[in-house]
Amino acid sequence: MDGHRLSPKQGYGGTETKGRRKAGRPFVGTLPVLFVFRAIDARKERSLAHRKNKARVMKLVYGLGARYKIKILEFSNVGSKLHVLLKAEDRYSLTCFLRVMAGRIAQSITGAKKGVRRGRYWASLCWSRLLKKGPELQKIQKYLRLFQIDELAAFLGRHPETWKRLGASEVLLRSKLHPARAGP
């Protein structure tokens, strides 16, 4: 952490550090890091959560994580944003992972290839923040799991046959997933 202007509580990237990127991204090998990738035009077929893109994005994140020896603690795909909570052993593997993952996801969604430009996909640098172990990490993990539950509830809501196959009624499962949304 020595030599960095940003404290672990502050973020790096996104719009926070635009125009003042003299310091490197804060990194400590023993602490988990939360990354948020935000897409500019993630609507319809270009959405990260579109049925054609969702599996590709997940496969890329976990596959590249294994390739670069990055431990993915939590991952959620919100459609216009990707939230990735991870732990990396060294800065070099983290840098390679971020660079390759962002490029491959943008290429697979936009269809860009050598000689065929499709425009910008990501809004800015990915935002990151070092997290302390304990309550702060647990709070972020809980937050990301809520996105995963929303995603599951949306999937099950669109496919009623899945509810029947699971042997549970829609009202019961929805009330367990979202107590505030439970019907009368």
Protein backbone atom coordinates (compact mmCIF):
# COMPACT_ATOMS: atom_id res chain seq x y z
CA MET A 1 0.00 0.00 0.00
CA ASP A 2 2.95 2.32 0.48
CA GLY A 3 3.31 4.86 -2.28
CA HIS A 4 -0.40 5.01 -3.16
CA ARG A 5 -2.38 8.18 -2.71
CA LEU A 6 -5.65 6.33 -2.26
CA SER A 7 -6.51 4.69 1.03
CA PRO A 8 -8.10 1.20 0.95
CA LYS A 9 -11.50 2.75 1.76
CA GLN A 10 -11.49 4.83 -1.40
CA GLY A 11 -12.16 3.44 -4.79
CA TYR A 12 -10.06 3.56 -7.90
CA GLY A 13 -11.24 3.82 -11.48
CA GLY A 14 -14.62 4.75 -12.86
CA THR A 15 -15.22 8.48 -12.78
CA GLU A 16 -13.48 8.94 -9.40
CA THR A 17 -9.94 8.96 -10.77
CA LYS A 18 -10.54 10.36 -14.25
CA GLY A 19 -7.86 12.90 -15.08
CA ARG A 20 -5.72 12.02 -12.06
CA ARG A 21 -4.47 8.49 -12.68
CA LYS A 22 -0.91 9.08 -11.53
CA ALA A 23 -1.11 6.43 -8.80
CA GLY A 24 -1.46 2.75 -9.55
CA ARG A 25 -4.52 0.75 -8.60
CA PRO A 26 -4.22 -0.09 -4.87
CA PHE A 27 -3.40 -3.75 -4.31
CA VAL A 28 -2.68 -5.92 -1.28
CA GLY A 29 -2.31 -9.64 -1.94
CA THR A 30 -4.04 -10.65 1.28
CA LEU A 31 -7.18 -8.51 0.86
CA PRO A 32 -10.18 -9.20 -1.40
CA VAL A 33 -11.00 -6.61 -4.07
CA LEU A 34 -14.40 -5.62 -5.46
CA PHE A 35 -14.50 -4.68 -9.15
CA VAL A 36 -17.43 -3.10 -10.96
CA PHE A 37 -17.45 -3.02 -14.76
CA ARG A 38 -20.09 -0.67 -16.25
CA ALA A 39 -21.23 -0.89 -19.86
CA ILE A 40 -22.35 2.19 -21.79
CA ASP A 41 -24.99 0.77 -24.10
CA ALA A 42 -26.03 -2.49 -22.47
CA ARG A 43 -29.58 -2.77 -23.77
CA LYS A 44 -31.37 -5.58 -25.59
CA GLU A 45 -28.84 -7.83 -27.41
CA ARG A 46 -25.87 -5.89 -26.01
CA SER A 47 -26.91 -6.44 -22.39
CA LEU A 48 -24.58 -8.51 -20.24
CA ALA A 49 -27.59 -10.42 -18.90
CA HIS A 50 -29.17 -11.14 -22.30
CA ARG A 51 -29.85 -14.85 -22.77
CA LYS A 52 -27.22 -15.08 -25.52
CA ASN A 53 -24.53 -13.33 -23.45
CA LYS A 54 -25.08 -14.45 -19.88
CA ALA A 55 -23.44 -17.88 -20.12
CA ARG A 56 -20.56 -16.54 -22.24
CA VAL A 57 -19.82 -13.81 -19.69
CA MET A 58 -19.90 -16.24 -16.76
CA LYS A 59 -17.69 -18.73 -18.61
CA LEU A 60 -15.17 -15.98 -19.43
CA VAL A 61 -15.01 -14.68 -15.85
CA TYR A 62 -14.52 -18.06 -14.21
CA GLY A 63 -12.34 -19.47 -17.00
CA LEU A 64 -9.97 -16.52 -17.03
CA GLY A 65 -9.97 -16.52 -13.23
CA ALA A 66 -8.70 -20.10 -13.26
CA ARG A 67 -6.18 -19.30 -16.00
CA TYR A 68 -4.65 -16.41 -14.06
CA LYS A 69 -4.99 -18.09 -10.62
CA ILE A 70 -7.56 -15.59 -9.39
CA LYS A 71 -10.05 -16.78 -6.78
CA ILE A 72 -13.55 -15.50 -7.63
CA LEU A 73 -15.38 -15.07 -4.30
CA GLU A 74 -18.64 -13.62 -5.66
CA PHE A 75 -19.87 -12.72 -9.13
CA SER A 76 -23.08 -11.03 -10.21
CA ASN A 77 -24.27 -9.92 -13.62
CA VAL A 78 -26.82 -7.11 -13.38
CA GLY A 79 -27.21 -6.44 -17.10
CA SER A 80 -25.37 -3.15 -17.43
CA LYS A 81 -22.82 -3.92 -14.70
CA LEU A 82 -20.64 -6.80 -13.62
CA HIS A 83 -19.72 -7.07 -9.96
CA VAL A 84 -16.72 -9.31 -9.30
CA LEU A 85 -15.36 -9.91 -5.81
CA LEU A 86 -12.01 -11.64 -6.08
CA LYS A 87 -8.72 -12.38 -4.44
CA ALA A 88 -5.45 -12.33 -6.37
CA GLU A 89 -2.02 -13.45 -5.27
CA ASP A 90 0.00 -10.94 -7.27
CA ARG A 91 -0.56 -7.69 -9.13
CA TYR A 92 0.61 -9.01 -12.50
CA SER A 93 -1.99 -11.80 -12.67
CA LEU A 94 -4.70 -9.36 -11.57
CA THR A 95 -3.72 -6.85 -14.28
CA CYS A 96 -3.70 -9.57 -16.95
CA PHE A 97 -7.08 -10.89 -15.77
CA LEU A 98 -8.72 -7.44 -15.87
CA ARG A 99 -7.29 -6.55 -19.27
CA VAL A 100 -8.15 -9.84 -20.97
CA MET A 101 -11.58 -10.23 -19.35
CA ALA A 102 -12.75 -6.73 -20.26
CA GLY A 103 -11.55 -7.12 -23.84
CA ARG A 104 -12.97 -10.58 -24.43
CA ILE A 105 -16.38 -9.72 -22.98
CA ALA A 106 -16.61 -6.57 -25.11
CA GLN A 107 -15.55 -8.53 -28.22
CA SER A 108 -18.02 -11.34 -27.66
CA ILE A 109 -20.96 -9.00 -27.07
CA THR A 110 -20.28 -6.39 -29.75
CA GLY A 111 -18.94 -8.81 -32.35
CA ALA A 112 -15.79 -6.74 -32.82
CA LYS A 113 -12.81 -8.40 -34.44
CA LYS A 114 -9.60 -7.38 -36.10
CA GLY A 115 -10.36 -4.75 -38.73
CA VAL A 116 -14.02 -4.35 -37.66
CA ARG A 117 -14.58 -1.72 -34.98
CA ARG A 118 -17.88 -1.63 -33.12
CA GLY A 119 -17.36 1.38 -30.88
CA ARG A 120 -16.78 1.65 -27.19
CA TYR A 121 -18.51 -0.85 -24.87
CA TRP A 122 -17.25 -0.07 -21.35
CA ALA A 123 -18.09 3.32 -19.83
CA SER A 124 -14.71 3.88 -18.17
CA LEU A 125 -12.01 2.09 -16.24
CA CYS A 126 -13.40 -0.60 -13.99
CA TRP A 127 -14.00 0.70 -10.48
CA SER A 128 -12.30 -1.16 -7.65
CA ARG A 129 -12.03 -1.06 -3.90
CA LEU A 130 -9.96 -3.03 -1.43
CA LEU A 131 -12.10 -4.59 1.28
CA LYS A 132 -11.17 -5.35 4.85
CA LYS A 133 -11.97 -8.83 6.08
CA GLY A 134 -14.84 -9.11 8.51
CA PRO A 135 -18.08 -7.10 8.56
CA GLU A 136 -17.21 -5.02 5.50
CA LEU A 137 -16.55 -8.09 3.36
CA GLN A 138 -19.66 -9.85 4.64
CA LYS A 139 -21.80 -6.81 3.85
CA ILE A 140 -20.56 -6.73 0.23
CA GLN A 141 -21.04 -10.50 -0.16
CA LYS A 142 -24.59 -10.20 1.12
CA TYR A 143 -25.24 -7.34 -1.33
CA LEU A 144 -23.95 -9.37 -4.28
CA ARG A 145 -25.98 -12.42 -3.27
CA LEU A 146 -29.13 -10.28 -3.42
CA PHE A 147 -28.39 -9.68 -7.11
CA GLN A 148 -28.02 -13.43 -7.60
CA ILE A 149 -31.34 -14.09 -5.86
CA ASP A 150 -33.06 -11.46 -8.03
CA GLU A 151 -31.61 -13.14 -11.10
CA LEU A 152 -32.86 -16.56 -9.98
CA ALA A 153 -36.31 -15.22 -9.13
CA ALA A 154 -36.55 -13.53 -12.54
CA PHE A 155 -35.55 -16.76 -14.28
CA LEU A 156 -38.03 -18.85 -12.32
CA GLY A 157 -40.76 -16.24 -12.89
CA ARG A 158 -40.27 -16.43 -16.67
CA HIS A 159 -40.26 -20.23 -16.69
CA PRO A 160 -43.22 -21.53 -14.64
CA GLU A 161 -42.44 -25.13 -15.66
CA THR A 162 -39.25 -24.83 -13.59
CA TRP A 163 -41.36 -24.05 -10.51
CA LYS A 164 -43.40 -27.19 -11.09
CA ARG A 165 -40.31 -29.30 -11.67
CA LEU A 166 -38.87 -28.11 -8.36
CA GLY A 167 -42.07 -29.23 -6.65
CA ALA A 168 -42.80 -25.91 -4.97
CA SER A 169 -45.45 -23.30 -5.51
CA GLU A 170 -44.53 -19.90 -6.94
CA VAL A 171 -45.91 -18.01 -3.97
CA LEU A 172 -43.91 -20.03 -1.46
CA LEU A 173 -40.60 -19.65 -3.30
CA ARG A 174 -41.12 -15.96 -3.99
CA SER A 175 -41.92 -15.32 -0.35
CA LYS A 176 -38.72 -17.07 0.70
CA LEU A 177 -36.59 -15.24 -1.86
CA HIS A 178 -38.16 -11.82 -1.32
CA PRO A 179 -40.22 -11.49 1.88
CA ALA A 180 -41.10 -7.88 0.96
CA ARG A 181 -42.55 -9.00 -2.39
CA ALA A 182 -44.64 -11.85 -1.01
CA GLY A 183 -48.28 -11.73 -2.00
CA PRO A 184 -51.23 -11.78 0.43
